Protein backbone atom coordinates (compact mmCIF):
# COMPACT_ATOMS: atom_id res chain seq x y z
CA MET A 1 60.72 193.98 117.76
CA GLY A 2 63.36 196.48 118.85
CA GLU A 3 66.75 196.84 117.22
CA ALA A 4 68.54 195.35 120.22
CA LYS A 5 66.29 192.33 120.23
CA LYS A 6 66.79 191.83 116.49
CA PHE A 7 70.56 192.00 116.97
CA ASN A 8 70.50 189.44 119.78
CA PHE A 9 68.30 187.14 117.70
CA PHE A 10 70.63 187.15 114.71
CA LYS A 11 73.64 186.82 117.01
CA LYS A 12 72.19 183.71 118.56
CA LEU A 13 71.29 182.36 115.12
CA THR A 14 74.85 182.90 113.95
CA ILE A 15 76.26 181.09 116.98
CA LEU A 16 73.91 178.16 116.47
CA GLY A 17 74.93 178.00 112.81
CA ALA A 18 78.58 177.95 113.74
CA ILE A 19 78.00 175.17 116.26
CA PHE A 20 76.10 173.17 113.66
CA CYS A 21 78.90 173.60 111.11
CA ALA A 22 81.45 172.55 113.71
CA LEU A 23 79.44 169.43 114.51
CA VAL A 24 79.24 168.53 110.83
CA PHE A 25 82.99 169.13 110.39
CA TYR A 26 84.03 167.02 113.35
CA THR A 27 81.49 164.33 112.52
CA ASN A 28 83.02 164.04 109.05
CA ALA A 29 86.52 164.04 110.49
CA PHE A 30 85.55 161.31 112.93
CA ALA A 31 83.96 159.35 110.12
CA ALA A 32 87.16 159.61 108.11
CA ASN A 33 89.33 158.13 110.81
CA TYR A 34 87.64 156.24 113.58
CA GLY A 35 84.57 154.19 112.74
CA SER A 36 80.98 154.22 111.54
CA GLY A 37 77.53 154.77 113.04
CA THR A 38 74.74 157.35 113.24
CA TYR A 39 74.32 160.79 114.72
CA GLY A 40 70.70 161.89 114.86
CA SER A 41 69.37 161.36 111.40
CA ASN A 42 72.90 161.36 109.90
CA THR A 43 74.76 158.15 109.02
CA TYR A 44 78.53 158.10 108.56
CA SER A 45 80.96 155.49 107.23
CA VAL A 46 84.64 155.25 108.08
CA THR A 47 87.75 154.12 106.20
CA SER A 48 90.62 154.40 108.65
CA SER A 49 93.93 155.89 107.49
CA LEU A 50 95.70 154.81 110.69
CA THR A 51 97.27 151.80 108.99
CA TYR A 52 100.38 150.81 107.13
CA THR A 53 101.14 148.38 104.31
CA LEU A 54 103.96 145.87 103.92
CA THR A 55 104.81 144.62 100.44
CA GLY A 56 107.77 142.76 99.00
CA PRO A 57 109.13 139.59 97.40
CA THR A 58 107.69 136.17 98.23
CA SER A 59 110.82 134.12 97.55
CA GLY A 60 114.58 134.34 97.26
CA ALA A 61 117.84 132.46 97.59
CA LEU A 62 119.06 130.90 100.82
CA ASN A 63 121.80 132.91 102.60
CA ALA A 64 121.40 135.84 100.20
CA PRO A 65 119.71 139.25 100.71
CA SER A 66 116.21 139.48 99.29
CA ALA A 67 114.87 142.18 97.04
CA ASN A 68 113.51 145.22 98.90
CA PHE A 69 110.47 145.03 101.14
CA ILE A 70 108.51 148.30 101.37
CA LEU A 71 106.69 149.51 104.49
CA THR A 72 104.40 152.56 104.10
CA PRO A 73 102.42 154.32 106.88
CA GLY A 74 98.88 155.33 105.98
CA TYR A 75 99.20 158.75 107.66
CA SER A 76 101.81 160.95 109.34
CA TYR A 77 103.06 158.46 111.87
CA THR A 78 105.42 158.84 114.78
CA GLY A 79 106.65 155.60 116.25
CA THR A 80 108.62 152.42 115.60
CA ILE A 81 107.72 149.38 113.50
CA THR A 82 109.60 146.20 114.42
CA LEU A 83 110.20 143.29 112.00
CA SER A 84 110.27 139.59 112.87
CA ASP A 85 110.66 136.18 111.19
CA GLY A 86 109.54 134.23 114.25
CA SER A 87 112.26 131.75 115.17
CA ALA A 88 113.63 131.32 111.62
CA GLY A 89 116.90 133.03 112.54
CA GLY A 90 117.31 135.19 109.45
CA THR A 91 118.60 138.76 109.44
CA PHE A 92 116.95 142.05 108.46
CA SER A 93 118.95 144.94 107.03
CA SER A 94 116.92 147.15 109.43
CA PRO A 95 115.28 145.15 112.25
CA SER A 96 113.18 148.20 113.20
CA LEU A 97 111.99 151.24 111.26
CA THR A 98 111.51 154.61 112.99
CA PHE A 99 109.06 157.25 111.75
CA SER A 100 108.74 160.86 112.93
CA ASN A 101 105.47 162.42 111.77
CA SER A 102 106.11 160.81 108.41
CA VAL A 103 104.20 159.06 105.62
CA THR A 104 107.38 158.30 103.66
CA ALA A 105 107.88 154.62 102.81
CA GLN A 106 110.96 152.83 104.14
CA THR A 107 112.65 149.72 102.72
CA PHE A 108 114.56 146.76 104.11
CA THR A 109 115.96 143.40 102.94
CA TYR A 110 115.88 139.95 104.52
CA THR A 111 118.54 137.23 104.43
CA PRO A 112 117.20 133.73 105.26
CA THR A 113 119.45 131.14 106.87
CA ILE A 114 117.11 128.15 106.53
CA ALA A 115 115.28 126.80 103.49
CA GLY A 116 111.51 126.67 103.30
CA SER A 117 108.56 128.93 104.10
CA ILE A 118 109.19 131.80 106.53
CA THR A 119 106.56 134.18 107.94
CA ILE A 120 107.67 137.82 108.12
CA THR A 121 105.59 140.13 110.33
CA ALA A 122 105.67 143.78 111.38
CA SER A 123 104.34 145.28 114.61
CA ALA A 124 103.98 149.00 115.39
CA SER A 125 104.45 150.93 118.65
CA PRO A 126 102.23 152.82 119.16
CA ALA A 127 99.88 150.39 117.46
CA LEU A 128 98.17 151.31 114.21
CA ASN A 129 94.59 150.08 114.59
CA ASP A 130 95.67 146.46 115.22
CA ILE A 131 96.99 146.08 111.66
CA SER A 132 99.65 143.35 111.48
CA PRO A 133 100.96 142.84 107.94
CA VAL A 134 102.26 139.36 107.14
CA ILE A 135 104.29 138.06 104.20
CA THR A 136 105.17 134.39 103.59
CA TYR A 137 108.67 134.26 102.17
CA VAL A 138 110.02 131.04 100.61
CA SER A 139 113.75 130.59 101.04
CA GLN A 140 115.11 128.65 98.05
CA THR A 141 118.23 126.57 97.52
CA ILE A 142 119.59 123.94 95.13
CA PRO A 143 117.82 120.54 95.03
CA GLY A 144 118.70 117.66 97.30
CA ILE A 145 120.31 114.38 96.26
CA PRO A 146 118.32 111.77 94.28
CA SER A 147 118.21 108.34 95.90
CA ALA A 148 117.48 104.67 95.14
CA VAL A 149 119.18 104.79 91.73
CA THR A 150 118.75 101.57 89.72
CA ALA A 151 119.44 100.67 86.09
CA THR A 152 118.06 98.14 83.62
CA PRO A 153 120.35 97.22 80.67
CA GLU A 154 119.10 97.44 77.09
CA ASP A 155 120.77 97.25 73.68
CA ALA A 156 123.57 99.89 73.81
CA SER A 157 121.54 101.75 76.42
CA ALA A 158 120.11 101.58 79.93
CA ILE A 159 116.95 102.72 81.68
CA VAL A 160 117.81 104.57 84.90
CA SER A 161 115.21 104.96 87.65
CA PHE A 162 115.50 107.01 90.86
CA THR A 163 113.60 108.67 93.69
CA PRO A 164 113.38 112.48 93.28
CA PRO A 165 114.89 114.65 96.03
CA SER A 166 113.57 117.78 97.76
CA ASP A 167 113.35 120.58 95.21
CA GLY A 168 114.86 123.18 97.56
CA GLY A 169 111.81 125.43 97.30
CA SER A 170 112.22 125.88 93.54
CA PRO A 171 110.85 123.32 91.04
CA VAL A 172 113.37 120.87 89.58
CA THR A 173 113.78 121.65 85.88
CA ARG A 174 116.12 118.85 84.84
CA TYR A 175 117.74 115.60 85.96
CA THR A 176 121.09 114.52 84.51
CA ILE A 177 122.20 110.89 84.27
CA THR A 178 125.96 110.26 84.06
CA ALA A 179 127.42 106.88 83.08
CA THR A 180 130.75 105.54 84.34
CA PRO A 181 133.01 104.75 82.54
CA GLY A 182 132.89 107.23 79.67
CA ASN A 183 130.86 110.01 81.35
CA SER A 184 128.05 109.75 78.80
CA THR A 185 125.03 111.77 79.90
CA ALA A 186 121.31 111.95 79.35
CA THR A 187 118.73 114.41 80.70
CA GLY A 188 115.03 114.34 81.49
CA THR A 189 112.40 115.87 83.73
CA THR A 190 111.21 112.76 85.55
CA SER A 191 112.18 109.18 86.40
CA PRO A 192 112.98 106.91 84.57
CA ILE A 193 115.41 108.28 81.97
CA THR A 194 116.98 106.29 79.13
CA ILE A 195 120.67 106.86 78.43
CA THR A 196 121.91 105.77 75.00
CA GLY A 197 125.26 105.50 73.22
CA LEU A 198 126.64 102.86 75.55
CA THR A 199 128.93 100.01 74.48
CA ASN A 200 127.45 96.52 74.63
CA GLY A 201 129.45 94.20 76.85
CA THR A 202 130.77 97.03 79.07
CA ALA A 203 129.56 97.31 82.65
CA TYR A 204 128.25 100.77 83.60
CA ALA A 205 127.21 102.46 86.84
CA PHE A 206 125.07 105.59 86.88
CA THR A 207 124.64 108.69 89.03
CA VAL A 208 121.84 111.29 89.00
CA THR A 209 121.85 115.03 89.75
CA ALA A 210 118.89 117.42 90.00
CA GLN A 211 118.84 121.04 88.85
CA ASN A 212 116.54 124.00 89.57
CA ALA A 213 116.69 127.77 89.02
CA LEU A 214 119.38 128.12 91.69
CA GLY A 215 121.74 125.48 90.29
CA SER A 216 122.58 121.78 90.42
CA GLY A 217 122.56 119.64 93.52
CA SER A 218 125.09 116.97 94.47
CA SER A 219 125.35 113.67 92.61
CA SER A 220 123.62 110.59 93.91
CA VAL A 221 125.28 107.41 95.02
CA SER A 222 126.10 105.23 91.99
CA SER A 223 123.76 102.50 90.89
CA SER A 224 124.89 98.90 90.82
CA PRO A 225 126.71 98.15 87.54
CA VAL A 226 124.75 96.72 84.61
CA THR A 227 125.96 95.53 81.21
CA PRO A 228 124.12 96.47 78.00
CA VAL A 229 123.74 93.57 75.54
CA ALA A 230 122.89 93.46 71.87
CA ALA A 231 119.42 92.35 70.86
CA ILE A 232 119.40 88.71 69.78
CA VAL A 233 118.21 88.22 66.21
CA VAL A 234 117.64 84.61 65.15
CA PRO A 235 116.65 83.66 61.59
CA PRO A 236 113.18 82.08 61.47
CA PRO A 237 113.25 78.26 61.47
CA THR A 238 111.69 76.18 58.71
CA TYR A 239 108.44 74.67 59.93
CA GLY A 240 106.75 71.47 58.95
CA GLY A 241 103.09 70.57 59.28
CA GLY A 242 102.71 72.74 62.36
CA GLY A 243 102.90 75.94 60.32
CA THR A 244 103.97 79.08 62.18
CA THR A 245 102.88 77.68 65.52
CA GLY A 246 106.23 76.06 66.07
CA GLY A 247 105.26 72.42 65.57
CA GLY A 248 107.17 70.06 63.28
CA ALA A 249 110.25 72.22 62.86
CA THR A 250 112.73 70.62 60.45
CA ASN A 251 115.72 72.52 61.79
CA PRO A 252 116.40 73.11 65.47
CA ILE A 253 115.63 76.33 67.28
CA VAL A 254 118.74 77.97 68.73
CA THR A 255 118.70 77.52 72.49
CA GLU A 256 119.47 80.76 74.33
CA THR A 257 120.67 81.18 77.88
CA THR A 258 118.03 82.91 79.98
CA PRO A 259 119.38 86.27 81.30
CA PRO A 260 120.08 86.49 85.04
CA THR A 261 116.98 87.33 87.03
CA THR A 262 116.22 88.61 90.51
CA SER A 263 112.54 87.77 90.73
CA SER A 264 110.82 85.03 92.66
CA THR A 265 110.60 81.42 91.50
CA VAL A 266 107.54 79.54 90.29
CA THR A 267 107.47 76.26 92.20
CA THR A 268 103.90 74.97 91.94
CA PRO A 269 102.57 74.34 88.40
CA SER A 270 98.85 74.79 87.97
CA THR A 271 96.69 71.77 87.19
CA GLU A 272 94.12 73.97 85.41
CA PRO A 273 92.97 72.16 82.24
CA VAL A 274 93.70 73.98 78.98
CA THR A 275 90.74 73.94 76.57
CA GLY A 276 91.61 73.01 72.99
CA GLU A 277 94.61 70.84 73.68
CA CYS A 278 94.78 67.06 73.22
CA THR A 279 91.82 65.02 74.39
CA ASN A 280 91.50 61.29 74.90
CA GLY A 281 91.83 59.40 71.60
CA ALA A 282 92.89 62.47 69.59
CA LEU A 283 95.94 62.17 67.35
CA TYR A 284 96.41 65.93 66.94
CA SER A 285 95.42 68.99 68.90
CA PHE A 286 92.63 70.77 67.05
CA LEU A 287 93.92 74.10 68.45
CA THR A 288 97.67 73.90 67.76
CA GLY A 289 97.94 71.21 65.13
CA PHE A 290 100.62 69.41 67.15
CA LYS A 291 100.71 65.64 67.34
CA CYS A 292 99.28 64.45 70.64
CA PRO A 293 101.73 62.62 72.93
CA GLU A 294 101.41 58.88 73.39
CA THR A 295 102.52 59.12 77.00
CA SER A 296 101.60 61.39 79.86
CA THR A 297 102.35 65.08 79.61
CA PRO A 298 105.79 66.11 81.01
CA THR A 299 105.79 68.05 84.27
CA ALA A 300 106.86 71.71 84.12
CA THR A 301 109.92 72.57 86.17
CA ALA A 302 110.39 75.67 88.30
CA VAL A 303 111.32 78.80 86.35
CA SER A 304 112.50 82.29 87.30
CA VAL A 305 110.43 85.13 85.87
CA LEU A 306 111.66 88.57 84.84
CA PHE A 307 110.34 90.55 81.88
CA THR A 308 111.99 93.86 81.00
CA LYS A 309 110.07 94.60 77.80
CA ASN A 310 106.78 94.04 76.04
CA LEU A 311 106.51 90.80 74.07
CA SER A 312 104.31 90.18 71.03
CA PHE A 313 103.70 87.93 68.03
CA GLY A 314 106.65 87.51 65.67
CA MET A 315 109.42 88.44 68.14
CA TYR A 316 112.64 86.47 68.64
CA ASP A 317 113.91 87.16 72.16
CA PRO A 318 115.27 85.15 75.11
CA GLU A 319 112.44 86.52 77.24
CA VAL A 320 109.95 84.71 74.99
CA LYS A 321 111.51 81.46 76.14
CA THR A 322 111.08 82.56 79.76
CA LEU A 323 107.46 83.45 78.97
CA GLN A 324 106.78 80.02 77.45
CA LYS A 325 108.29 78.30 80.49
CA TYR A 326 106.12 80.41 82.78
CA LEU A 327 102.93 79.71 80.80
CA ASN A 328 103.67 75.97 80.70
CA SER A 329 104.35 75.91 84.45
CA LYS A 330 101.03 77.64 85.15
CA GLY A 331 98.98 75.30 82.98
CA TYR A 332 98.54 77.62 79.99
CA ILE A 333 100.27 75.09 77.77
CA VAL A 334 102.02 76.54 74.73
CA ALA A 335 102.40 73.15 73.04
CA LYS A 336 102.03 69.50 74.03
CA THR A 337 104.96 68.37 71.90
CA GLY A 338 107.60 69.95 69.72
CA ALA A 339 108.72 73.58 69.88
CA GLY A 340 107.13 75.41 72.79
CA ALA A 341 106.34 72.23 74.72
CA ILE A 342 107.61 71.63 78.22
CA GLY A 343 111.36 71.22 78.00
CA HIS A 344 111.36 72.49 74.39
CA GLU A 345 110.57 76.17 74.88
CA THR A 346 111.95 78.54 72.22
CA ILE A 347 112.71 82.24 71.79
CA TYR A 348 110.09 82.59 69.03
CA PHE A 349 106.70 84.21 69.81
CA GLY A 350 104.46 82.28 67.44
CA LEU A 351 100.74 81.66 67.24
CA ALA A 352 100.83 78.96 69.91
CA THR A 353 102.49 81.36 72.36
CA LYS A 354 99.97 84.08 71.53
CA THR A 355 97.09 81.66 72.09
CA ALA A 356 98.45 80.67 75.52
CA VAL A 357 98.89 84.35 76.45
CA ILE A 358 95.27 85.07 75.46
CA LYS A 359 94.08 82.26 77.75
CA PHE A 360 96.13 83.73 80.58
CA GLN A 361 94.71 87.22 79.94
CA LYS A 362 91.12 85.96 79.86
CA TYR A 363 91.59 84.18 83.16
CA TYR A 364 92.81 87.42 84.81
CA LYS A 365 90.18 89.52 83.01
CA LEU A 366 92.71 91.48 80.97
CA THR A 367 92.23 92.57 77.36
CA PRO A 368 92.80 89.29 75.44
CA ASP A 369 95.05 90.72 72.72
CA GLY A 370 97.91 88.24 73.07
CA VAL A 371 100.43 91.02 73.77
CA VAL A 372 102.50 90.81 76.93
CA GLY A 373 102.33 94.51 77.80
CA PRO A 374 102.72 96.34 81.15
CA LEU A 375 99.49 95.02 82.70
CA THR A 376 100.08 91.42 81.68
CA ARG A 377 103.71 91.61 82.81
CA SER A 378 102.65 92.99 86.20
CA ILE A 379 100.17 90.15 86.71
CA VAL A 380 102.79 87.58 85.68
CA GLN A 381 105.36 88.89 88.12
CA LYS A 382 102.79 89.44 90.87
CA ASN A 383 101.79 85.78 90.60
CA SER A 384 105.33 84.45 90.32
């Protein structure tokens, strides 16, 4: 081969090598910015840098500027990025951000004018590979106003119930009960809340406020007034042959006035027979030990039913008398004669009362423990 031919051969080889290198370079550049695929036997993968990121807070106070949002182009970008909150009506410190061949991050704040979740978006012109960053921003405010405030009087205290309000986008951390007169307060995290330190015999009304991280909301409408009363303590009576069941008492049981009630009235006594009471020819009930009546059993009269506490063996309370009247009217006879009998109900929760409660619980498939707890009370008042 001549010298000229050798020169031309190596020249051509050099040019081909340069072209090959250029193809590799541009293939890699393309792979770095625009997509993925194959070229001959070569495979390339792309991670596009023609993007931007939007980061920032996810919540803040109503009508107050947020902390900074940060918008960062993924490459030297020239164009405008416009911000939007849809139709929420808030304001941006910079509604649009302009970049001139820049990768430098820019910041902005947002001031919401409505409470709740707001979607913040950013759109670029020219577009950046269809990237559309989105942030959900929760505008927070103080809680709303509690409603449906009611109170139940207790001894030197009251139990206040209410319906919780909207939390304003920030969880309620505390409710405050305020009593009028006196402005005594009590706090809690859920309804109901017991307020103590009240004066028995004084009528009180109550308001409720809710508080979250942004402050306290407005006070509720006052409850209807209620009057705390002292617990009634009656010395145990002296019993005769009836033992602690209430039969044969040698001194009278103090008759208490049943507290005012708002529940429905029992009007139709049950005729359900009560096992263990007096039978034909019997002188005494084998269950209670009471003397059997010589005449027909008295008819139970209508009674109003309202229980505000649990009742159990050994208690002296006016609500026990209401309980005995209810049991007698429903056919779960406390006693045929004497204390606890129809027309002679007492405030003492003795063995006869417990036995009648157990019968009632068995009939309604409750735990037959003789305690008038929440489940038994609910059945009683549901069937009143």
